[in-house]
């Protein structure tokens, strides 16, 4: 499928999605949001060989949040229209969050507002040392509402209270300390670091990785210990009995590499 504001390429088992509005620092508009939603919702739920996704931004920035011209338009909408728009944006973030393969964020330059929210839905984030983050919505008299479930799940309530209320920008080193990102490297080492993460992913069972990603989300939402016990026991039993689980265990006992690494 061809996109206007995304560049989607395939590199072996890795699909790369690049936000492609470098002239406005890859800021979101309605069309880009719709394209991201379409791409994510049409991503194969059964394997077509894609083992990882890398999301990045063209040019000097990852994503500077909402485009000024788009904000001007939505500011003139009614509350009902804004509810519809916000629901569509939430659908995009949810679709990305629920992708069945690991999503790696490649972050350079600005990751502000919704751009920082996009960082939060990535499973693994590699940021350049000069990257700058911020949940700056209150500076515009609005709030980071749509991205808040994903951000709070990532950085916790305490950090969210500080950063949502101040709207302050913060460097990659701070983002690393609060677990918004997982590695901070010189810009020249972004792709090399991502390649190392991809290699680790390819060493794991693809179905197990998908199940592990689902497990994290389910356990985080479990209402009590009994539900957590049921979820974990069911998930582990299913994986042990699966063809992939059986192959992994045999390979370990036979001191060989499992079939999915070939």
C-alpha atoms as a PDB file:
ATOM      1  CA  UNK A   1       0.000   0.000   0.000  1.00  0.00           C
ATOM      2  CA  UNK A   2       1.212   3.509  -0.850  1.00  0.00           C
ATOM      3  CA  UNK A   3       1.120   6.258   1.749  1.00  0.00           C
ATOM      4  CA  UNK A   4       1.432  10.013   1.538  1.00  0.00           C
ATOM      5  CA  UNK A   5       3.072  10.658   4.903  1.00  0.00           C
ATOM      6  CA  UNK A   6       4.618   7.280   5.760  1.00  0.00           C
ATOM      7  CA  UNK A   7       7.445   5.341   4.180  1.00  0.00           C
ATOM      8  CA  UNK A   8       7.060   1.610   4.844  1.00  0.00           C
ATOM      9  CA  UNK A   9       9.893  -0.698   3.824  1.00  0.00           C
ATOM     10  CA  UNK A  10      10.768  -4.317   4.460  1.00  0.00           C
ATOM     11  CA  UNK A  11      14.289  -5.371   5.426  1.00  0.00           C
ATOM     12  CA  UNK A  12      14.189  -9.161   5.794  1.00  0.00           C
ATOM     13  CA  UNK A  13      12.272  -9.886   9.016  1.00  0.00           C
ATOM     14  CA  UNK A  14      12.114  -6.186   9.940  1.00  0.00           C
ATOM     15  CA  UNK A  15       9.425  -3.752   8.778  1.00  0.00           C
ATOM     16  CA  UNK A  16      10.440  -0.098   8.999  1.00  0.00           C
ATOM     17  CA  UNK A  17       7.822   2.643   9.306  1.00  0.00           C
ATOM     18  CA  UNK A  18       9.135   6.172   8.865  1.00  0.00           C
ATOM     19  CA  UNK A  19       7.058   9.272   9.561  1.00  0.00           C
ATOM     20  CA  UNK A  20       7.706  11.376   6.476  1.00  0.00           C
ATOM     21  CA  UNK A  21       6.879  15.040   7.062  1.00  0.00           C
ATOM     22  CA  UNK A  22      10.404  16.303   7.778  1.00  0.00           C
ATOM     23  CA  UNK A  23       9.556  19.899   6.846  1.00  0.00           C
ATOM     24  CA  UNK A  24       7.315  20.093   9.961  1.00  0.00           C
ATOM     25  CA  UNK A  25       9.440  17.747  12.121  1.00  0.00           C
ATOM     26  CA  UNK A  26       7.055  14.875  11.332  1.00  0.00           C
ATOM     27  CA  UNK A  27       4.197  16.501  13.221  1.00  0.00           C
ATOM     28  CA  UNK A  28       0.871  14.673  13.151  1.00  0.00           C
ATOM     29  CA  UNK A  29      -1.985  15.748  10.957  1.00  0.00           C
ATOM     30  CA  UNK A  30      -5.259  13.921  10.397  1.00  0.00           C
ATOM     31  CA  UNK A  31      -3.954  12.200   7.289  1.00  0.00           C
ATOM     32  CA  UNK A  32      -0.816  10.841   8.965  1.00  0.00           C
ATOM     33  CA  UNK A  33      -2.860   9.572  11.900  1.00  0.00           C
ATOM     34  CA  UNK A  34      -5.242   7.820   9.495  1.00  0.00           C
ATOM     35  CA  UNK A  35      -2.323   6.240   7.637  1.00  0.00           C
ATOM     36  CA  UNK A  36      -0.723   4.977  10.858  1.00  0.00           C
ATOM     37  CA  UNK A  37      -4.070   3.552  11.951  1.00  0.00           C
ATOM     38  CA  UNK A  38      -4.571   1.817   8.618  1.00  0.00           C
ATOM     39  CA  UNK A  39      -1.057   0.376   8.632  1.00  0.00           C
ATOM     40  CA  UNK A  40      -1.323  -0.906  12.219  1.00  0.00           C
ATOM     41  CA  UNK A  41      -4.831  -2.344  11.882  1.00  0.00           C
ATOM     42  CA  UNK A  42      -3.891  -4.160   8.681  1.00  0.00           C
ATOM     43  CA  UNK A  43      -0.655  -5.562  10.086  1.00  0.00           C
ATOM     44  CA  UNK A  44      -0.784  -9.388   9.777  1.00  0.00           C
ATOM     45  CA  UNK A  45      -1.903 -11.098  12.993  1.00  0.00           C
ATOM     46  CA  UNK A  46      -0.417 -14.346  11.740  1.00  0.00           C
ATOM     47  CA  UNK A  47       3.207 -14.350  10.706  1.00  0.00           C
ATOM     48  CA  UNK A  48       4.209 -13.303   7.207  1.00  0.00           C
ATOM     49  CA  UNK A  49       7.836 -13.278   8.271  1.00  0.00           C
ATOM     50  CA  UNK A  50       7.874  -9.893   9.996  1.00  0.00           C
ATOM     51  CA  UNK A  51       9.549 -10.361  13.374  1.00  0.00           C
ATOM     52  CA  UNK A  52      10.033  -6.729  14.428  1.00  0.00           C
ATOM     53  CA  UNK A  53       8.903  -3.222  13.526  1.00  0.00           C
ATOM     54  CA  UNK A  54      11.090  -0.117  13.712  1.00  0.00           C
ATOM     55  CA  UNK A  55       9.306   3.240  13.868  1.00  0.00           C
ATOM     56  CA  UNK A  56      11.325   6.369  13.133  1.00  0.00           C
ATOM     57  CA  UNK A  57      11.099   9.863  11.715  1.00  0.00           C
ATOM     58  CA  UNK A  58      12.623  11.341   8.571  1.00  0.00           C
ATOM     59  CA  UNK A  59      15.035  14.231   8.945  1.00  0.00           C
ATOM     60  CA  UNK A  60      16.180  15.798  12.191  1.00  0.00           C
ATOM     61  CA  UNK A  61      13.199  14.949  14.419  1.00  0.00           C
ATOM     62  CA  UNK A  62      11.219  11.899  15.477  1.00  0.00           C
ATOM     63  CA  UNK A  63       7.827  13.597  15.884  1.00  0.00           C
ATOM     64  CA  UNK A  64       7.060  17.090  17.152  1.00  0.00           C
ATOM     65  CA  UNK A  65       3.486  16.307  18.170  1.00  0.00           C
ATOM     66  CA  UNK A  66       0.467  17.886  16.508  1.00  0.00           C
ATOM     67  CA  UNK A  67       0.823  20.003  13.390  1.00  0.00           C
ATOM     68  CA  UNK A  68      -0.003  23.699  13.999  1.00  0.00           C
ATOM     69  CA  UNK A  69      -2.388  23.891  11.055  1.00  0.00           C
ATOM     70  CA  UNK A  70      -4.232  20.792  12.275  1.00  0.00           C
ATOM     71  CA  UNK A  71      -4.494  22.256  15.794  1.00  0.00           C
ATOM     72  CA  UNK A  72      -5.920  25.446  14.314  1.00  0.00           C
ATOM     73  CA  UNK A  73      -8.594  23.410  12.566  1.00  0.00           C
ATOM     74  CA  UNK A  74      -9.580  21.268  15.558  1.00  0.00           C
ATOM     75  CA  UNK A  75      -9.684  24.354  17.800  1.00  0.00           C
ATOM     76  CA  UNK A  76     -12.632  25.548  15.717  1.00  0.00           C
ATOM     77  CA  UNK A  77     -14.511  22.250  16.040  1.00  0.00           C
ATOM     78  CA  UNK A  78     -17.368  21.613  18.438  1.00  0.00           C
ATOM     79  CA  UNK A  79     -16.859  19.517  21.564  1.00  0.00           C
ATOM     80  CA  UNK A  80     -18.664  16.638  19.844  1.00  0.00           C
ATOM     81  CA  UNK A  81     -16.388  16.879  16.807  1.00  0.00           C
ATOM     82  CA  UNK A  82     -13.330  16.979  19.051  1.00  0.00           C
ATOM     83  CA  UNK A  83     -14.575  13.874  20.855  1.00  0.00           C
ATOM     84  CA  UNK A  84     -14.782  12.060  17.509  1.00  0.00           C
ATOM     85  CA  UNK A  85     -11.306  13.264  16.559  1.00  0.00           C
ATOM     86  CA  UNK A  86      -9.806  12.254  19.923  1.00  0.00           C
ATOM     87  CA  UNK A  87     -11.423   8.831  19.677  1.00  0.00           C
ATOM     88  CA  UNK A  88      -9.820   8.310  16.270  1.00  0.00           C
ATOM     89  CA  UNK A  89      -6.423   9.336  17.641  1.00  0.00           C
ATOM     90  CA  UNK A  90      -6.832   6.963  20.581  1.00  0.00           C
ATOM     91  CA  UNK A  91      -7.671   4.185  18.132  1.00  0.00           C
ATOM     92  CA  UNK A  92      -4.351   4.807  16.358  1.00  0.00           C
ATOM     93  CA  UNK A  93      -2.285   4.587  19.549  1.00  0.00           C
ATOM     94  CA  UNK A  94      -4.201   1.476  20.663  1.00  0.00           C
ATOM     95  CA  UNK A  95      -3.620  -0.234  17.313  1.00  0.00           C
ATOM     96  CA  UNK A  96       0.114   0.438  17.540  1.00  0.00           C
ATOM     97  CA  UNK A  97       0.249  -0.697  21.157  1.00  0.00           C
ATOM     98  CA  UNK A  98      -1.416  -4.000  20.286  1.00  0.00           C
ATOM     99  CA  UNK A  99       0.818  -4.978  17.361  1.00  0.00           C
ATOM    100  CA  UNK A 100       1.767  -8.657  17.808  1.00  0.00           C
ATOM    101  CA  UNK A 101       5.509  -8.152  17.227  1.00  0.00           C
ATOM    102  CA  UNK A 102       8.066  -6.038  19.113  1.00  0.00           C
ATOM    103  CA  UNK A 103       8.006  -2.368  18.121  1.00  0.00           C
ATOM    104  CA  UNK A 104      11.313  -0.516  18.357  1.00  0.00           C
ATOM    105  CA  UNK A 105      11.338   3.286  18.445  1.00  0.00           C
ATOM    106  CA  UNK A 106      14.231   5.045  16.712  1.00  0.00           C
ATOM    107  CA  UNK A 107      14.242   8.517  18.264  1.00  0.00           C
ATOM    108  CA  UNK A 108      16.313  11.525  17.288  1.00  0.00           C
ATOM    109  CA  UNK A 109      15.639  15.201  17.833  1.00  0.00           C
ATOM    110  CA  UNK A 110      12.201  16.160  19.145  1.00  0.00           C
ATOM    111  CA  UNK A 111       9.641  13.721  20.540  1.00  0.00           C
ATOM    112  CA  UNK A 112       7.021  16.100  21.888  1.00  0.00           C
ATOM    113  CA  UNK A 113       3.355  15.719  22.846  1.00  0.00           C
ATOM    114  CA  UNK A 114       1.857  12.994  20.692  1.00  0.00           C
ATOM    115  CA  UNK A 115       5.387  12.197  19.524  1.00  0.00           C
ATOM    116  CA  UNK A 116       6.312  11.334  23.099  1.00  0.00           C
ATOM    117  CA  UNK A 117       3.109   9.301  23.241  1.00  0.00           C
ATOM    118  CA  UNK A 118       4.298   7.385  20.188  1.00  0.00           C
ATOM    119  CA  UNK A 119       7.519   6.662  22.076  1.00  0.00           C
ATOM    120  CA  UNK A 120       5.429   5.285  24.958  1.00  0.00           C
ATOM    121  CA  UNK A 121       3.678   2.679  22.793  1.00  0.00           C
ATOM    122  CA  UNK A 122       6.983   1.290  21.537  1.00  0.00           C
ATOM    123  CA  UNK A 123       8.181  -1.840  23.333  1.00  0.00           C
ATOM    124  CA  UNK A 124      11.854  -0.876  23.025  1.00  0.00           C
ATOM    125  CA  UNK A 125      13.161   2.655  22.452  1.00  0.00           C
ATOM    126  CA  UNK A 126      16.628   3.696  21.340  1.00  0.00           C
ATOM    127  CA  UNK A 127      17.203   7.457  21.540  1.00  0.00           C
ATOM    128  CA  UNK A 128      20.046   9.675  20.429  1.00  0.00           C
ATOM    129  CA  UNK A 129      21.850  11.650  23.109  1.00  0.00           C
ATOM    130  CA  UNK A 130      20.442  14.913  21.780  1.00  0.00           C
ATOM    131  CA  UNK A 131      16.807  13.764  21.748  1.00  0.00           C
ATOM    132  CA  UNK A 132      14.344  15.992  23.622  1.00  0.00           C
ATOM    133  CA  UNK A 133      11.031  14.840  25.075  1.00  0.00           C
ATOM    134  CA  UNK A 134       8.030  16.577  26.562  1.00  0.00           C
ATOM    135  CA  UNK A 135       4.355  16.243  27.375  1.00  0.00           C
ATOM    136  CA  UNK A 136       3.826  19.908  26.646  1.00  0.00           C
ATOM    137  CA  UNK A 137       0.069  20.019  26.105  1.00  0.00           C
ATOM    138  CA  UNK A 138      -0.684  22.219  29.141  1.00  0.00           C
ATOM    139  CA  UNK A 139       1.408  24.958  27.533  1.00  0.00           C
ATOM    140  CA  UNK A 140      -1.345  25.093  24.919  1.00  0.00           C
ATOM    141  CA  UNK A 141      -4.171  24.951  27.452  1.00  0.00           C
ATOM    142  CA  UNK A 142      -4.973  21.313  26.700  1.00  0.00           C
ATOM    143  CA  UNK A 143      -3.935  17.990  28.260  1.00  0.00           C
ATOM    144  CA  UNK A 144      -2.130  14.780  27.149  1.00  0.00           C
ATOM    145  CA  UNK A 145      -5.330  12.806  27.547  1.00  0.00           C
ATOM    146  CA  UNK A 146      -5.278  10.345  24.650  1.00  0.00           C
ATOM    147  CA  UNK A 147      -1.668   9.289  25.238  1.00  0.00           C
ATOM    148  CA  UNK A 148      -1.969   9.151  29.026  1.00  0.00           C
ATOM    149  CA  UNK A 149      -2.809   5.407  29.408  1.00  0.00           C
ATOM    150  CA  UNK A 150       0.320   4.427  27.498  1.00  0.00           C
ATOM    151  CA  UNK A 151       2.584   7.027  29.080  1.00  0.00           C
ATOM    152  CA  UNK A 152       1.515   6.299  32.660  1.00  0.00           C
ATOM    153  CA  UNK A 153       1.960   2.567  32.060  1.00  0.00           C
ATOM    154  CA  UNK A 154       5.508   3.339  30.935  1.00  0.00           C
ATOM    155  CA  UNK A 155       6.773   6.001  33.375  1.00  0.00           C
ATOM    156  CA  UNK A 156       4.444   5.667  36.380  1.00  0.00           C
ATOM    157  CA  UNK A 157       2.091   8.037  38.141  1.00  0.00           C
ATOM    158  CA  UNK A 158       4.678  10.145  39.961  1.00  0.00           C
ATOM    159  CA  UNK A 159       6.663  11.122  36.875  1.00  0.00           C
ATOM    160  CA  UNK A 160       3.451  11.676  34.922  1.00  0.00           C
ATOM    161  CA  UNK A 161       2.149  14.066  37.569  1.00  0.00           C
ATOM    162  CA  UNK A 162       5.301  16.164  37.367  1.00  0.00           C
ATOM    163  CA  UNK A 163       5.661  16.153  33.599  1.00  0.00           C
ATOM    164  CA  UNK A 164       1.983  16.446  32.642  1.00  0.00           C
ATOM    165  CA  UNK A 165       1.452  19.342  35.043  1.00  0.00           C
ATOM    166  CA  UNK A 166       4.577  21.322  34.172  1.00  0.00           C
ATOM    167  CA  UNK A 167       4.734  20.536  30.469  1.00  0.00           C
ATOM    168  CA  UNK A 168       8.505  20.708  30.875  1.00  0.00           C
ATOM    169  CA  UNK A 169      10.831  19.356  28.221  1.00  0.00           C
ATOM    170  CA  UNK A 170      13.478  16.888  29.308  1.00  0.00           C
ATOM    171  CA  UNK A 171      16.561  15.263  27.779  1.00  0.00           C
ATOM    172  CA  UNK A 172      17.167  11.663  26.751  1.00  0.00           C
ATOM    173  CA  UNK A 173      19.123  10.989  29.947  1.00  0.00           C
ATOM    174  CA  UNK A 174      16.022  11.794  32.022  1.00  0.00           C
ATOM    175  CA  UNK A 175      13.813   9.747  29.696  1.00  0.00           C
ATOM    176  CA  UNK A 176      16.151   6.800  30.249  1.00  0.00           C
ATOM    177  CA  UNK A 177      15.984   7.104  34.033  1.00  0.00           C
ATOM    178  CA  UNK A 178      12.176   6.965  33.965  1.00  0.00           C
ATOM    179  CA  UNK A 179      12.091   4.017  31.513  1.00  0.00           C
ATOM    180  CA  UNK A 180      10.511   5.963  28.677  1.00  0.00           C
ATOM    181  CA  UNK A 181      13.537   4.921  26.624  1.00  0.00           C
ATOM    182  CA  UNK A 182      15.808   1.907  27.049  1.00  0.00           C
ATOM    183  CA  UNK A 183      19.089   2.976  25.438  1.00  0.00           C
ATOM    184  CA  UNK A 184      20.680   6.384  24.833  1.00  0.00           C
ATOM    185  CA  UNK A 185      23.491   6.461  22.291  1.00  0.00           C
ATOM    186  CA  UNK A 186      25.290   8.879  19.960  1.00  0.00           C
ATOM    187  CA  UNK A 187      23.265   9.551  16.830  1.00  0.00           C
ATOM    188  CA  UNK A 188      25.756   7.585  14.735  1.00  0.00           C
ATOM    189  CA  UNK A 189      25.091   4.461  16.817  1.00  0.00           C
ATOM    190  CA  UNK A 190      21.271   4.434  16.618  1.00  0.00           C
ATOM    191  CA  UNK A 191      20.988   1.835  13.872  1.00  0.00           C
ATOM    192  CA  UNK A 192      23.771  -0.369  15.227  1.00  0.00           C
ATOM    193  CA  UNK A 193      22.051  -0.462  18.619  1.00  0.00           C
ATOM    194  CA  UNK A 194      18.696  -1.246  17.033  1.00  0.00           C
ATOM    195  CA  UNK A 195      20.310  -4.058  15.049  1.00  0.00           C
ATOM    196  CA  UNK A 196      21.517  -5.602  18.316  1.00  0.00           C
ATOM    197  CA  UNK A 197      17.983  -5.513  19.717  1.00  0.00           C
ATOM    198  CA  UNK A 198      16.670  -7.086  16.514  1.00  0.00           C
ATOM    199  CA  UNK A 199      19.251  -9.882  16.800  1.00  0.00           C
ATOM    200  CA  UNK A 200      18.029 -10.633  20.336  1.00  0.00           C
ATOM    201  CA  UNK A 201      14.428 -10.694  19.102  1.00  0.00           C
ATOM    202  CA  UNK A 202      15.261 -13.078  16.253  1.00  0.00           C
ATOM    203  CA  UNK A 203      16.817 -15.497  18.769  1.00  0.00           C
ATOM    204  CA  UNK A 204      13.467 -15.890  20.533  1.00  0.00           C
ATOM    205  CA  UNK A 205      10.448 -17.866  19.419  1.00  0.00           C
ATOM    206  CA  UNK A 206       8.155 -15.556  17.412  1.00  0.00           C
ATOM    207  CA  UNK A 207       4.967 -16.960  18.924  1.00  0.00           C
ATOM    208  CA  UNK A 208       6.483 -16.831  22.411  1.00  0.00           C
ATOM    209  CA  UNK A 209       7.432 -13.176  21.930  1.00  0.00           C
ATOM    210  CA  UNK A 210       3.892 -12.332  20.819  1.00  0.00           C
ATOM    211  CA  UNK A 211       2.508 -14.215  23.834  1.00  0.00           C
ATOM    212  CA  UNK A 212       4.957 -12.469  26.172  1.00  0.00           C
ATOM    213  CA  UNK A 213       3.863  -9.072  24.850  1.00  0.00           C
ATOM    214  CA  UNK A 214       0.222  -9.970  25.478  1.00  0.00           C
ATOM    215  CA  UNK A 215       1.099 -11.330  28.929  1.00  0.00           C
ATOM    216  CA  UNK A 216       2.675  -8.040  30.031  1.00  0.00           C
ATOM    217  CA  UNK A 217      -0.483  -6.145  29.090  1.00  0.00           C
ATOM    218  CA  UNK A 218      -2.809  -8.681  30.742  1.00  0.00           C
ATOM    219  CA  UNK A 219      -0.865  -8.912  34.009  1.00  0.00           C
ATOM    220  CA  UNK A 220      -0.610  -5.127  34.249  1.00  0.00           C
ATOM    221  CA  UNK A 221      -4.416  -5.002  33.987  1.00  0.00           C
ATOM    222  CA  UNK A 222      -5.142  -7.995  36.284  1.00  0.00           C
ATOM    223  CA  UNK A 223      -7.540  -6.995  39.033  1.00  0.00           C
ATOM    224  CA  UNK A 224      -6.180  -9.313  41.710  1.00  0.00           C
ATOM    225  CA  UNK A 225      -3.708 -12.102  42.494  1.00  0.00           C
ATOM    226  CA  UNK A 226      -6.206 -14.828  41.601  1.00  0.00           C
ATOM    227  CA  UNK A 227      -6.670 -13.455  38.096  1.00  0.00           C
ATOM    228  CA  UNK A 228      -2.916 -13.062  37.692  1.00  0.00           C
ATOM    229  CA  UNK A 229      -2.383 -16.672  38.736  1.00  0.00           C
ATOM    230  CA  UNK A 230      -4.984 -17.913  36.266  1.00  0.00           C
ATOM    231  CA  UNK A 231      -3.517 -15.846  33.440  1.00  0.00           C
ATOM    232  CA  UNK A 232       0.075 -16.896  34.073  1.00  0.00           C
ATOM    233  CA  UNK A 233      -0.678 -20.595  34.538  1.00  0.00           C
ATOM    234  CA  UNK A 234      -2.825 -20.680  31.403  1.00  0.00           C
ATOM    235  CA  UNK A 235      -0.255 -18.817  29.330  1.00  0.00           C
ATOM    236  CA  UNK A 236       2.675 -20.973  30.425  1.00  0.00           C
ATOM    237  CA  UNK A 237       0.799 -24.245  29.965  1.00  0.00           C
ATOM    238  CA  UNK A 238      -0.240 -23.210  26.462  1.00  0.00           C
ATOM    239  CA  UNK A 239       3.302 -22.257  25.468  1.00  0.00           C
ATOM    240  CA  UNK A 240       4.848 -25.456  26.882  1.00  0.00           C
ATOM    241  CA  UNK A 241       2.352 -27.563  24.948  1.00  0.00           C
ATOM    242  CA  UNK A 242       2.721 -25.591  21.715  1.00  0.00           C
ATOM    243  CA  UNK A 243       4.750 -26.826  18.746  1.00  0.00           C
ATOM    244  CA  UNK A 244       7.123 -23.897  19.132  1.00  0.00           C
ATOM    245  CA  UNK A 245       7.520 -24.469  22.856  1.00  0.00           C
ATOM    246  CA  UNK A 246       8.220 -28.142  22.304  1.00  0.00           C
ATOM    247  CA  UNK A 247      10.840 -27.297  19.655  1.00  0.00           C
ATOM    248  CA  UNK A 248      12.517 -24.772  21.957  1.00  0.00           C
ATOM    249  CA  UNK A 249      12.731 -27.224  24.838  1.00  0.00           C
ATOM    250  CA  UNK A 250      14.063 -30.007  22.601  1.00  0.00           C
ATOM    251  CA  UNK A 251      16.678 -27.683  21.134  1.00  0.00           C
ATOM    252  CA  UNK A 252      17.838 -26.673  24.606  1.00  0.00           C
ATOM    253  CA  UNK A 253      18.119 -30.279  25.774  1.00  0.00           C
ATOM    254  CA  UNK A 254      19.837 -31.339  22.553  1.00  0.00           C
ATOM    255  CA  UNK A 255      22.253 -28.380  22.732  1.00  0.00           C
ATOM    256  CA  UNK A 256      21.294 -27.010  19.304  1.00  0.00           C
ATOM    257  CA  UNK A 257      19.672 -23.874  17.971  1.00  0.00           C
ATOM    258  CA  UNK A 258      15.862 -23.981  17.588  1.00  0.00           C
ATOM    259  CA  UNK A 259      14.338 -24.093  14.146  1.00  0.00           C
ATOM    260  CA  UNK A 260      13.096 -20.502  14.124  1.00  0.00           C
ATOM    261  CA  UNK A 261      16.676 -19.160  14.114  1.00  0.00           C
ATOM    262  CA  UNK A 262      17.477 -20.733  10.732  1.00  0.00           C
END
